[in-house]
Amino acid sequence: DSDGLSATSQCTPCKATFACDTVALSAPVTKCAAGYFCKVGAPSVTPLLKNEDSANYGPCPAGSFCEEGTADPVPCPEGTFRSATGGTAEASCGPCSAGRYCTGTGLSA
């Protein structure tokens, strides 16, 4: 987008749903992998959490799922839960056990 940049800080952070995992990109081309979310600045299709970036990208948190190219984790629907990170589809959310019920969305236990 810009010519004559003189510092890395002048480069644009990778945009939502994408991962900028290659140097010298002029535009993002690779979607974030299923099981991960990428809001902004993701350096990999499977980005690991760093404390300062935990709100921007990382493994899909427990209680949710992330399909390919997800910017915001999707909560598991009512009646289901997911106790582990890395859910890739709604089918990753399991049903509540017989004799119990789950109210609300995004449950992790």
C-alpha atoms as a PDB file:
ATOM      1  CA  ASP A   1       0.000   0.000   0.000  1.00  0.00           C
ATOM      2  CA  SER A   2       2.835   2.421   0.740  1.00  0.00           C
ATOM      3  CA  ASP A   3       6.146   3.250  -0.902  1.00  0.00           C
ATOM      4  CA  GLY A   4       9.326   4.407   0.766  1.00  0.00           C
ATOM      5  CA  LEU A   5       8.817   2.900   4.202  1.00  0.00           C
ATOM      6  CA  SER A   6      11.825   3.223   6.475  1.00  0.00           C
ATOM      7  CA  ALA A   7      10.879   1.108   9.527  1.00  0.00           C
ATOM      8  CA  THR A   8       9.061  -2.134  10.321  1.00  0.00           C
ATOM      9  CA  SER A   9       6.684  -0.152  12.526  1.00  0.00           C
ATOM     10  CA  GLN A  10       5.370   1.536   9.369  1.00  0.00           C
ATOM     11  CA  CYS A  11       4.213  -1.805   7.931  1.00  0.00           C
ATOM     12  CA  THR A  12       0.537  -2.686   8.306  1.00  0.00           C
ATOM     13  CA  PRO A  13      -0.302  -5.503  10.770  1.00  0.00           C
ATOM     14  CA  CYS A  14      -1.790  -8.606   9.195  1.00  0.00           C
ATOM     15  CA  LYS A  15      -5.569  -8.185   8.964  1.00  0.00           C
ATOM     16  CA  ALA A  16      -8.298 -10.271  10.580  1.00  0.00           C
ATOM     17  CA  THR A  17      -8.798 -13.884   9.415  1.00  0.00           C
ATOM     18  CA  PHE A  18      -5.310 -13.981   7.846  1.00  0.00           C
ATOM     19  CA  ALA A  19      -1.812 -14.965   8.948  1.00  0.00           C
ATOM     20  CA  CYS A  20       1.255 -13.197   7.577  1.00  0.00           C
ATOM     21  CA  ASP A  21       3.683 -16.102   7.876  1.00  0.00           C
ATOM     22  CA  THR A  22       6.068 -15.080   5.095  1.00  0.00           C
ATOM     23  CA  VAL A  23       8.419 -12.105   4.887  1.00  0.00           C
ATOM     24  CA  ALA A  24       8.120  -9.422   2.186  1.00  0.00           C
ATOM     25  CA  LEU A  25       4.344  -9.705   1.753  1.00  0.00           C
ATOM     26  CA  SER A  26       2.524  -6.878   0.035  1.00  0.00           C
ATOM     27  CA  ALA A  27      -0.855  -8.304   1.091  1.00  0.00           C
ATOM     28  CA  PRO A  28      -2.010 -11.210   3.286  1.00  0.00           C
ATOM     29  CA  VAL A  29      -2.772 -14.400   1.332  1.00  0.00           C
ATOM     30  CA  THR A  30      -3.063 -17.256   3.857  1.00  0.00           C
ATOM     31  CA  LYS A  31      -6.116 -17.821   6.061  1.00  0.00           C
ATOM     32  CA  CYS A  32      -5.671 -18.682   9.728  1.00  0.00           C
ATOM     33  CA  ALA A  33      -5.917 -22.477  10.244  1.00  0.00           C
ATOM     34  CA  ALA A  34      -8.969 -24.188  11.724  1.00  0.00           C
ATOM     35  CA  GLY A  35      -8.599 -24.454  15.508  1.00  0.00           C
ATOM     36  CA  TYR A  36      -7.013 -20.980  15.746  1.00  0.00           C
ATOM     37  CA  PHE A  37      -8.284 -17.393  15.665  1.00  0.00           C
ATOM     38  CA  CYS A  38      -6.550 -14.432  14.029  1.00  0.00           C
ATOM     39  CA  LYS A  39      -7.870 -10.935  14.772  1.00  0.00           C
ATOM     40  CA  VAL A  40      -4.808  -8.877  13.860  1.00  0.00           C
ATOM     41  CA  GLY A  41      -1.057  -9.351  13.486  1.00  0.00           C
ATOM     42  CA  ALA A  42      -0.951 -13.178  13.380  1.00  0.00           C
ATOM     43  CA  PRO A  43       2.586 -14.319  12.441  1.00  0.00           C
ATOM     44  CA  SER A  44       1.599 -17.937  11.656  1.00  0.00           C
ATOM     45  CA  VAL A  45      -1.434 -19.931  10.443  1.00  0.00           C
ATOM     46  CA  THR A  46      -1.189 -21.762  13.783  1.00  0.00           C
ATOM     47  CA  PRO A  47      -0.196 -18.895  16.093  1.00  0.00           C
ATOM     48  CA  LEU A  48       0.857 -19.594  19.652  1.00  0.00           C
ATOM     49  CA  LEU A  49      -0.206 -17.301  22.475  1.00  0.00           C
ATOM     50  CA  LYS A  50       2.055 -14.592  23.809  1.00  0.00           C
ATOM     51  CA  ASN A  51       0.841 -12.634  26.820  1.00  0.00           C
ATOM     52  CA  GLU A  52       0.711  -9.325  24.974  1.00  0.00           C
ATOM     53  CA  ASP A  53      -1.049 -10.839  21.933  1.00  0.00           C
ATOM     54  CA  SER A  54      -3.499 -13.249  23.588  1.00  0.00           C
ATOM     55  CA  ALA A  55      -6.496 -11.141  22.562  1.00  0.00           C
ATOM     56  CA  ASN A  56      -5.307 -10.905  18.945  1.00  0.00           C
ATOM     57  CA  TYR A  57      -4.528 -14.509  17.956  1.00  0.00           C
ATOM     58  CA  GLY A  58      -3.923 -18.000  19.277  1.00  0.00           C
ATOM     59  CA  PRO A  59      -5.465 -21.433  19.728  1.00  0.00           C
ATOM     60  CA  CYS A  60      -9.242 -21.413  19.866  1.00  0.00           C
ATOM     61  CA  PRO A  61     -10.128 -21.309  23.582  1.00  0.00           C
ATOM     62  CA  ALA A  62     -12.086 -23.975  25.470  1.00  0.00           C
ATOM     63  CA  GLY A  63     -15.845 -23.499  25.134  1.00  0.00           C
ATOM     64  CA  SER A  64     -15.579 -22.415  21.500  1.00  0.00           C
ATOM     65  CA  PHE A  65     -14.590 -23.452  17.990  1.00  0.00           C
ATOM     66  CA  CYS A  66     -12.733 -21.738  15.141  1.00  0.00           C
ATOM     67  CA  GLU A  67     -13.146 -22.725  11.508  1.00  0.00           C
ATOM     68  CA  GLU A  68     -10.488 -21.723   8.956  1.00  0.00           C
ATOM     69  CA  GLY A  69     -10.169 -17.940   8.755  1.00  0.00           C
ATOM     70  CA  THR A  70     -11.827 -17.183  12.112  1.00  0.00           C
ATOM     71  CA  ALA A  71     -11.261 -13.734  13.618  1.00  0.00           C
ATOM     72  CA  ASP A  72     -13.394 -14.268  16.746  1.00  0.00           C
ATOM     73  CA  PRO A  73     -13.909 -17.677  18.387  1.00  0.00           C
ATOM     74  CA  VAL A  74     -17.504 -18.943  18.082  1.00  0.00           C
ATOM     75  CA  PRO A  75     -19.044 -20.076  21.408  1.00  0.00           C
ATOM     76  CA  CYS A  76     -20.288 -23.659  21.623  1.00  0.00           C
ATOM     77  CA  PRO A  77     -24.102 -23.600  21.389  1.00  0.00           C
ATOM     78  CA  GLU A  78     -26.483 -24.263  24.275  1.00  0.00           C
ATOM     79  CA  GLY A  79     -26.618 -27.914  25.261  1.00  0.00           C
ATOM     80  CA  THR A  80     -22.945 -28.440  24.364  1.00  0.00           C
ATOM     81  CA  PHE A  81     -19.487 -27.728  25.778  1.00  0.00           C
ATOM     82  CA  ARG A  82     -15.815 -28.096  24.862  1.00  0.00           C
ATOM     83  CA  SER A  83     -13.225 -28.550  27.617  1.00  0.00           C
ATOM     84  CA  ALA A  84     -10.107 -28.450  25.404  1.00  0.00           C
ATOM     85  CA  THR A  85      -8.633 -25.698  23.243  1.00  0.00           C
ATOM     86  CA  GLY A  86      -8.385 -25.985  19.453  1.00  0.00           C
ATOM     87  CA  GLY A  87     -11.987 -26.735  18.426  1.00  0.00           C
ATOM     88  CA  THR A  88     -12.260 -26.674  14.614  1.00  0.00           C
ATOM     89  CA  ALA A  89     -16.035 -26.863  13.999  1.00  0.00           C
ATOM     90  CA  GLU A  90     -19.337 -26.851  15.863  1.00  0.00           C
ATOM     91  CA  ALA A  91     -19.079 -30.663  15.878  1.00  0.00           C
ATOM     92  CA  SER A  92     -16.028 -30.172  18.178  1.00  0.00           C
ATOM     93  CA  CYS A  93     -18.481 -29.184  20.919  1.00  0.00           C
ATOM     94  CA  GLY A  94     -19.818 -32.238  22.724  1.00  0.00           C
ATOM     95  CA  PRO A  95     -23.304 -32.752  24.121  1.00  0.00           C
ATOM     96  CA  CYS A  96     -23.970 -32.395  27.823  1.00  0.00           C
ATOM     97  CA  SER A  97     -24.137 -35.779  29.566  1.00  0.00           C
ATOM     98  CA  ALA A  98     -27.404 -37.618  30.207  1.00  0.00           C
ATOM     99  CA  GLY A  99     -28.898 -36.486  33.495  1.00  0.00           C
ATOM    100  CA  ARG A 100     -27.474 -32.973  33.065  1.00  0.00           C
ATOM    101  CA  TYR A 101     -28.249 -29.916  31.002  1.00  0.00           C
ATOM    102  CA  CYS A 102     -26.168 -26.994  29.769  1.00  0.00           C
ATOM    103  CA  THR A 103     -27.622 -23.486  29.663  1.00  0.00           C
ATOM    104  CA  GLY A 104     -25.768 -20.684  27.990  1.00  0.00           C
ATOM    105  CA  THR A 105     -23.173 -20.734  25.251  1.00  0.00           C
ATOM    106  CA  GLY A 106     -19.408 -21.101  25.352  1.00  0.00           C
ATOM    107  CA  LEU A 107     -19.293 -23.623  28.183  1.00  0.00           C
ATOM    108  CA  SER A 108     -15.973 -25.333  28.865  1.00  0.00           C
ATOM    109  CA  ALA A 109     -16.883 -27.798  31.625  1.00  0.00           C
END
